[in-house]
Structures are given as C-alpha cells and as structure tokens.
Amino acid sequence: MKLDRNIKSNNGEGKYALLLLRKVRAFPKSSIAAKEAHECIMRLCEIGVLDFGRKPETEFFVVRLKDEHALPALRAYANDAEEDDFEYATEVRGLASRSGKYSAFCKKPD
C-alpha cells in the first residue's frame, strides 16, 4: 500500500488536510474572515468531512515532519508497520528521512 500523497492521481496531497484552528481563532471575532471561516467549518461538520477527534474512537495525534521529535516517531511507526506492509513502511521511512533534524524547518512542537 502506498501513502495517499505518493499516488500520482493525488498530486502530492495526503489522506487528510490540517485546519489551523489557532489561526482561525486569532481572527478578530467580528471580522468577515472569522464569520466566513466559522460558516465553512460548520458546513464541513454538517456534511461529515471534518473530524475534531473528540470521541475515543476518533482521537488522533498529528505530527508534522518539521517537529523535532518526528524522526524517532516515524521510524518507530515504520518499524512496526513493516510486519504488515513493507511498501507502506518504506514510504513512511521516506517521510522520516525528511523529518526532525533532517527538515530545513525543524522546530520544537507548539
């Protein structure tokens, strides 16, 4: 199995996208941007394509490649995944090779 981002028809896009909630919350409350963002977010929730991971069965933990701790996390994930799917594990190792200290954007998580 390939990572979604590595399937040609996906043009480098992955299975998920990140909604930068801190940026949304930083909009002045009465601004047009805040109102539009709220409407868009509510619509995505209504149609079932936005998941905040609030339930035990939908929890998640996102790690950006630039996170200084991403490298060991992705290596461990790939090692564990290798037993089930060598190709997938290899692709995760590719991400690991560009993560953490190997990322030009490496930083502490926030």
N, C-alpha and C. Protein backbone atom coordinates (compact mmCIF):
# COMPACT_ATOMS: atom_id res chain seq x y z
N MET A 1 0.84 -1.17 0.00
CA MET A 1 0.00 0.00 0.00
C MET A 1 0.89 1.24 0.00
N LYS A 2 0.49 2.24 -0.76
CA LYS A 2 1.23 3.49 -0.81
C LYS A 2 0.55 4.53 0.09
N LEU A 3 1.34 5.49 0.55
CA LEU A 3 0.76 6.65 1.21
C LEU A 3 -0.06 7.40 0.17
N ASP A 4 -1.19 7.93 0.55
CA ASP A 4 -2.05 8.65 -0.40
C ASP A 4 -1.28 9.74 -1.13
N ARG A 5 -0.40 10.44 -0.44
CA ARG A 5 0.36 11.53 -1.05
C ARG A 5 1.29 11.05 -2.16
N ASN A 6 1.60 9.75 -2.19
CA ASN A 6 2.51 9.20 -3.19
C ASN A 6 1.78 8.55 -4.37
N ILE A 7 0.47 8.63 -4.38
CA ILE A 7 -0.31 8.12 -5.51
C ILE A 7 -0.40 9.25 -6.52
N LYS A 8 0.02 9.00 -7.74
CA LYS A 8 0.10 10.07 -8.75
C LYS A 8 -1.18 10.88 -8.88
N SER A 9 -2.31 10.23 -8.87
CA SER A 9 -3.58 10.93 -9.08
C SER A 9 -3.90 11.89 -7.93
N ASN A 10 -3.20 11.78 -6.82
CA ASN A 10 -3.46 12.67 -5.68
C ASN A 10 -2.60 13.93 -5.70
N ASN A 11 -1.72 14.03 -6.68
CA ASN A 11 -0.89 15.23 -6.85
C ASN A 11 -0.16 15.67 -5.57
N GLY A 12 0.30 14.71 -4.79
CA GLY A 12 1.06 15.02 -3.59
C GLY A 12 0.21 15.33 -2.37
N GLU A 13 -1.11 15.28 -2.51
CA GLU A 13 -1.96 15.51 -1.37
C GLU A 13 -2.16 14.21 -0.60
N GLY A 14 -2.22 14.32 0.70
CA GLY A 14 -2.39 13.15 1.54
C GLY A 14 -3.84 12.81 1.78
N LYS A 15 -4.04 11.92 2.70
CA LYS A 15 -5.37 11.46 3.06
C LYS A 15 -6.14 12.53 3.85
N TYR A 16 -5.40 13.37 4.55
CA TYR A 16 -6.01 14.38 5.41
C TYR A 16 -5.43 15.76 5.08
N ALA A 17 -6.09 16.78 5.56
CA ALA A 17 -5.60 18.16 5.50
C ALA A 17 -5.68 18.72 6.91
N LEU A 18 -4.86 19.70 7.21
CA LEU A 18 -4.89 20.30 8.54
C LEU A 18 -5.67 21.61 8.50
N LEU A 19 -6.54 21.75 9.46
CA LEU A 19 -7.25 23.01 9.66
C LEU A 19 -6.53 23.71 10.81
N LEU A 20 -5.96 24.86 10.55
CA LEU A 20 -5.16 25.55 11.54
C LEU A 20 -6.07 26.37 12.47
N LEU A 21 -6.58 25.69 13.48
CA LEU A 21 -7.57 26.29 14.37
C LEU A 21 -7.03 27.50 15.12
N ARG A 22 -5.77 27.49 15.48
CA ARG A 22 -5.21 28.66 16.18
C ARG A 22 -5.30 29.91 15.29
N LYS A 23 -5.06 29.73 14.00
CA LYS A 23 -5.17 30.88 13.09
C LYS A 23 -6.61 31.34 12.96
N VAL A 24 -7.53 30.38 12.88
CA VAL A 24 -8.95 30.73 12.80
C VAL A 24 -9.36 31.49 14.06
N ARG A 25 -8.95 31.00 15.22
CA ARG A 25 -9.31 31.65 16.48
C ARG A 25 -8.67 33.02 16.65
N ALA A 26 -7.59 33.27 15.92
CA ALA A 26 -6.88 34.55 16.02
C ALA A 26 -7.57 35.67 15.23
N PHE A 27 -8.50 35.30 14.34
CA PHE A 27 -9.22 36.34 13.61
C PHE A 27 -10.01 37.18 14.61
N PRO A 28 -10.06 38.49 14.41
CA PRO A 28 -10.94 39.31 15.27
C PRO A 28 -12.36 38.75 15.18
N LYS A 29 -13.00 38.58 16.32
CA LYS A 29 -14.30 37.90 16.39
C LYS A 29 -15.35 38.45 15.42
N SER A 30 -15.37 39.74 15.23
CA SER A 30 -16.41 40.33 14.38
C SER A 30 -15.97 40.51 12.92
N SER A 31 -14.79 40.00 12.58
CA SER A 31 -14.30 40.19 11.22
C SER A 31 -15.04 39.30 10.22
N ILE A 32 -15.01 39.73 8.98
CA ILE A 32 -15.62 38.94 7.91
C ILE A 32 -14.91 37.58 7.81
N ALA A 33 -13.58 37.59 7.95
CA ALA A 33 -12.82 36.34 7.86
C ALA A 33 -13.28 35.34 8.93
N ALA A 34 -13.50 35.82 10.15
CA ALA A 34 -13.94 34.94 11.23
C ALA A 34 -15.31 34.36 10.92
N LYS A 35 -16.21 35.20 10.44
CA LYS A 35 -17.56 34.73 10.12
C LYS A 35 -17.53 33.72 8.98
N GLU A 36 -16.75 34.01 7.93
CA GLU A 36 -16.66 33.09 6.79
C GLU A 36 -16.03 31.77 7.21
N ALA A 37 -14.96 31.83 8.01
CA ALA A 37 -14.31 30.61 8.47
C ALA A 37 -15.28 29.77 9.29
N HIS A 38 -16.01 30.42 10.19
CA HIS A 38 -16.97 29.70 11.03
C HIS A 38 -18.03 29.02 10.16
N GLU A 39 -18.55 29.73 9.18
CA GLU A 39 -19.56 29.15 8.29
C GLU A 39 -19.00 27.95 7.52
N CYS A 40 -17.79 28.10 7.02
CA CYS A 40 -17.16 27.00 6.27
C CYS A 40 -16.93 25.78 7.17
N ILE A 41 -16.43 26.02 8.35
CA ILE A 41 -16.17 24.93 9.30
C ILE A 41 -17.47 24.23 9.67
N MET A 42 -18.50 25.00 9.95
CA MET A 42 -19.80 24.41 10.31
C MET A 42 -20.34 23.58 9.14
N ARG A 43 -20.19 24.06 7.94
CA ARG A 43 -20.68 23.30 6.76
C ARG A 43 -19.91 21.99 6.61
N LEU A 44 -18.60 22.03 6.78
CA LEU A 44 -17.79 20.81 6.69
C LEU A 44 -18.21 19.81 7.77
N CYS A 45 -18.54 20.31 8.95
CA CYS A 45 -19.04 19.42 10.02
C CYS A 45 -20.38 18.81 9.62
N GLU A 46 -21.27 19.64 9.08
CA GLU A 46 -22.60 19.16 8.68
C GLU A 46 -22.54 18.03 7.65
N ILE A 47 -21.61 18.15 6.71
CA ILE A 47 -21.54 17.12 5.66
C ILE A 47 -20.63 15.95 6.04
N GLY A 48 -20.08 16.01 7.26
CA GLY A 48 -19.34 14.87 7.79
C GLY A 48 -17.91 14.69 7.32
N VAL A 49 -17.27 15.78 6.88
CA VAL A 49 -15.89 15.63 6.42
C VAL A 49 -14.87 16.30 7.34
N LEU A 50 -15.33 16.83 8.44
CA LEU A 50 -14.43 17.45 9.41
C LEU A 50 -14.58 16.72 10.74
N ASP A 51 -13.48 16.25 11.27
CA ASP A 51 -13.49 15.45 12.49
C ASP A 51 -12.51 16.07 13.48
N PHE A 52 -12.99 16.52 14.62
CA PHE A 52 -12.13 17.12 15.63
C PHE A 52 -11.52 16.09 16.58
N GLY A 53 -11.84 14.82 16.41
CA GLY A 53 -11.26 13.77 17.25
C GLY A 53 -11.69 13.84 18.70
N ARG A 54 -12.89 14.28 18.94
CA ARG A 54 -13.37 14.47 20.31
C ARG A 54 -13.86 13.20 20.98
N LYS A 55 -14.10 12.16 20.21
CA LYS A 55 -14.60 10.90 20.77
C LYS A 55 -13.45 9.90 20.86
N PRO A 56 -13.51 8.98 21.81
CA PRO A 56 -12.44 7.99 21.92
C PRO A 56 -12.17 7.25 20.61
N GLU A 57 -13.21 6.95 19.85
CA GLU A 57 -13.00 6.20 18.60
C GLU A 57 -12.48 7.05 17.45
N THR A 58 -12.39 8.38 17.64
CA THR A 58 -11.90 9.24 16.55
C THR A 58 -10.67 10.05 16.95
N GLU A 59 -10.10 9.77 18.12
CA GLU A 59 -8.92 10.52 18.57
C GLU A 59 -7.78 10.38 17.57
N PHE A 60 -6.93 11.39 17.52
CA PHE A 60 -5.76 11.35 16.64
C PHE A 60 -4.65 12.20 17.24
N PHE A 61 -3.46 12.04 16.68
CA PHE A 61 -2.29 12.81 17.09
C PHE A 61 -1.52 13.12 15.82
N VAL A 62 -1.44 14.38 15.48
CA VAL A 62 -0.79 14.79 14.23
C VAL A 62 0.65 15.19 14.52
N VAL A 63 1.57 14.73 13.68
CA VAL A 63 2.97 15.11 13.80
C VAL A 63 3.42 15.67 12.45
N ARG A 64 3.84 16.91 12.45
CA ARG A 64 4.40 17.49 11.23
C ARG A 64 5.84 17.04 11.10
N LEU A 65 6.31 16.93 9.87
CA LEU A 65 7.68 16.49 9.66
C LEU A 65 8.69 17.45 10.29
N LYS A 66 8.36 18.72 10.39
CA LYS A 66 9.28 19.69 10.96
C LYS A 66 9.41 19.58 12.48
N ASP A 67 8.53 18.83 13.12
CA ASP A 67 8.60 18.63 14.57
C ASP A 67 9.91 17.91 14.90
N GLU A 68 10.66 18.47 15.85
CA GLU A 68 11.97 17.88 16.16
C GLU A 68 11.89 16.44 16.65
N HIS A 69 10.72 16.00 17.08
CA HIS A 69 10.54 14.63 17.57
C HIS A 69 9.95 13.69 16.51
N ALA A 70 9.72 14.20 15.32
CA ALA A 70 9.07 13.40 14.27
C ALA A 70 9.93 12.22 13.81
N LEU A 71 11.23 12.42 13.71
CA LEU A 71 12.11 11.37 13.19
C LEU A 71 12.00 10.07 13.98
N PRO A 72 12.22 10.05 15.29
CA PRO A 72 12.10 8.77 16.01
C PRO A 72 10.68 8.23 16.00
N ALA A 73 9.69 9.12 15.99
CA ALA A 73 8.30 8.66 15.97
C ALA A 73 7.99 7.95 14.66
N LEU A 74 8.40 8.53 13.55
CA LEU A 74 8.13 7.91 12.25
C LEU A 74 8.94 6.64 12.04
N ARG A 75 10.17 6.63 12.54
CA ARG A 75 10.97 5.40 12.43
C ARG A 75 10.30 4.26 13.20
N ALA A 76 9.84 4.54 14.40
CA ALA A 76 9.17 3.51 15.21
C ALA A 76 7.90 3.05 14.52
N TYR A 77 7.15 3.98 13.95
CA TYR A 77 5.92 3.64 13.24
C TYR A 77 6.23 2.74 12.04
N ALA A 78 7.25 3.12 11.28
CA ALA A 78 7.63 2.33 10.11
C ALA A 78 8.09 0.93 10.51
N ASN A 79 8.86 0.84 11.57
CA ASN A 79 9.33 -0.47 12.03
C ASN A 79 8.16 -1.37 12.39
N ASP A 80 7.17 -0.81 13.05
CA ASP A 80 6.01 -1.59 13.45
C ASP A 80 5.16 -1.96 12.23
N ALA A 81 5.01 -1.03 11.29
CA ALA A 81 4.18 -1.26 10.10
C ALA A 81 4.81 -2.27 9.14
N GLU A 82 6.12 -2.41 9.20
CA GLU A 82 6.83 -3.27 8.24
C GLU A 82 6.34 -4.71 8.24
N GLU A 83 5.94 -5.19 9.39
CA GLU A 83 5.45 -6.56 9.50
C GLU A 83 4.21 -6.79 8.63
N ASP A 84 3.36 -5.78 8.54
CA ASP A 84 2.12 -5.89 7.77
C ASP A 84 2.27 -5.48 6.31
N ASP A 85 3.10 -4.45 6.06
CA ASP A 85 3.16 -3.89 4.70
C ASP A 85 4.52 -3.23 4.48
N PHE A 86 5.42 -3.94 3.81
CA PHE A 86 6.78 -3.45 3.59
C PHE A 86 6.79 -2.16 2.77
N GLU A 87 5.96 -2.10 1.73
CA GLU A 87 5.93 -0.92 0.86
C GLU A 87 5.50 0.32 1.66
N TYR A 88 4.47 0.19 2.45
CA TYR A 88 3.98 1.29 3.28
C TYR A 88 5.06 1.72 4.27
N ALA A 89 5.69 0.78 4.92
CA ALA A 89 6.76 1.09 5.88
C ALA A 89 7.90 1.83 5.20
N THR A 90 8.23 1.43 3.98
CA THR A 90 9.28 2.10 3.22
C THR A 90 8.90 3.55 2.93
N GLU A 91 7.65 3.78 2.60
CA GLU A 91 7.20 5.14 2.32
C GLU A 91 7.21 6.00 3.58
N VAL A 92 6.86 5.41 4.72
CA VAL A 92 6.92 6.15 5.98
C VAL A 92 8.38 6.47 6.31
N ARG A 93 9.29 5.56 6.03
CA ARG A 93 10.72 5.84 6.25
C ARG A 93 11.18 7.00 5.36
N GLY A 94 10.61 7.10 4.17
CA GLY A 94 10.91 8.24 3.31
C GLY A 94 10.51 9.55 3.97
N LEU A 95 9.35 9.55 4.62
CA LEU A 95 8.94 10.75 5.37
C LEU A 95 9.93 11.01 6.51
N ALA A 96 10.30 9.95 7.20
CA ALA A 96 11.22 10.08 8.33
C ALA A 96 12.54 10.70 7.88
N SER A 97 12.98 10.35 6.69
CA SER A 97 14.28 10.86 6.21
C SER A 97 14.25 12.37 5.96
N ARG A 98 13.05 12.95 5.92
CA ARG A 98 12.92 14.40 5.72
C ARG A 98 12.38 15.09 6.97
N SER A 99 12.37 14.37 8.07
CA SER A 99 11.73 14.90 9.28
C SER A 99 12.74 15.26 10.36
N GLY A 100 12.21 15.89 11.41
CA GLY A 100 13.04 16.23 12.57
C GLY A 100 14.28 16.99 12.17
N LYS A 101 15.42 16.54 12.64
CA LYS A 101 16.68 17.25 12.38
C LYS A 101 17.03 17.31 10.90
N TYR A 102 16.41 16.47 10.08
CA TYR A 102 16.66 16.50 8.64
C TYR A 102 15.74 17.46 7.89
N SER A 103 14.82 18.07 8.61
CA SER A 103 13.92 19.06 7.99
C SER A 103 14.55 20.44 8.07
N ALA A 104 14.52 21.16 6.96
CA ALA A 104 15.03 22.53 6.96
C ALA A 104 14.19 23.43 7.86
N PHE A 105 13.01 22.96 8.25
CA PHE A 105 12.08 23.75 9.05
C PHE A 105 11.97 23.25 10.48
N CYS A 106 12.91 22.40 10.90
CA CYS A 106 12.87 21.75 12.21
C CYS A 106 12.62 22.77 13.33
N LYS A 107 11.70 22.42 14.22
CA LYS A 107 11.41 23.28 15.37
C LYS A 107 10.78 22.47 16.49
N LYS A 108 10.77 23.06 17.65
CA LYS A 108 10.11 22.43 18.80
C LYS A 108 8.61 22.45 18.55
N PRO A 109 7.90 21.42 19.01
CA PRO A 109 6.45 21.41 18.82
C PRO A 109 5.80 22.52 19.64
N ASP A 110 4.66 23.00 19.14
CA ASP A 110 3.95 24.03 19.90
C ASP A 110 2.52 23.66 20.15
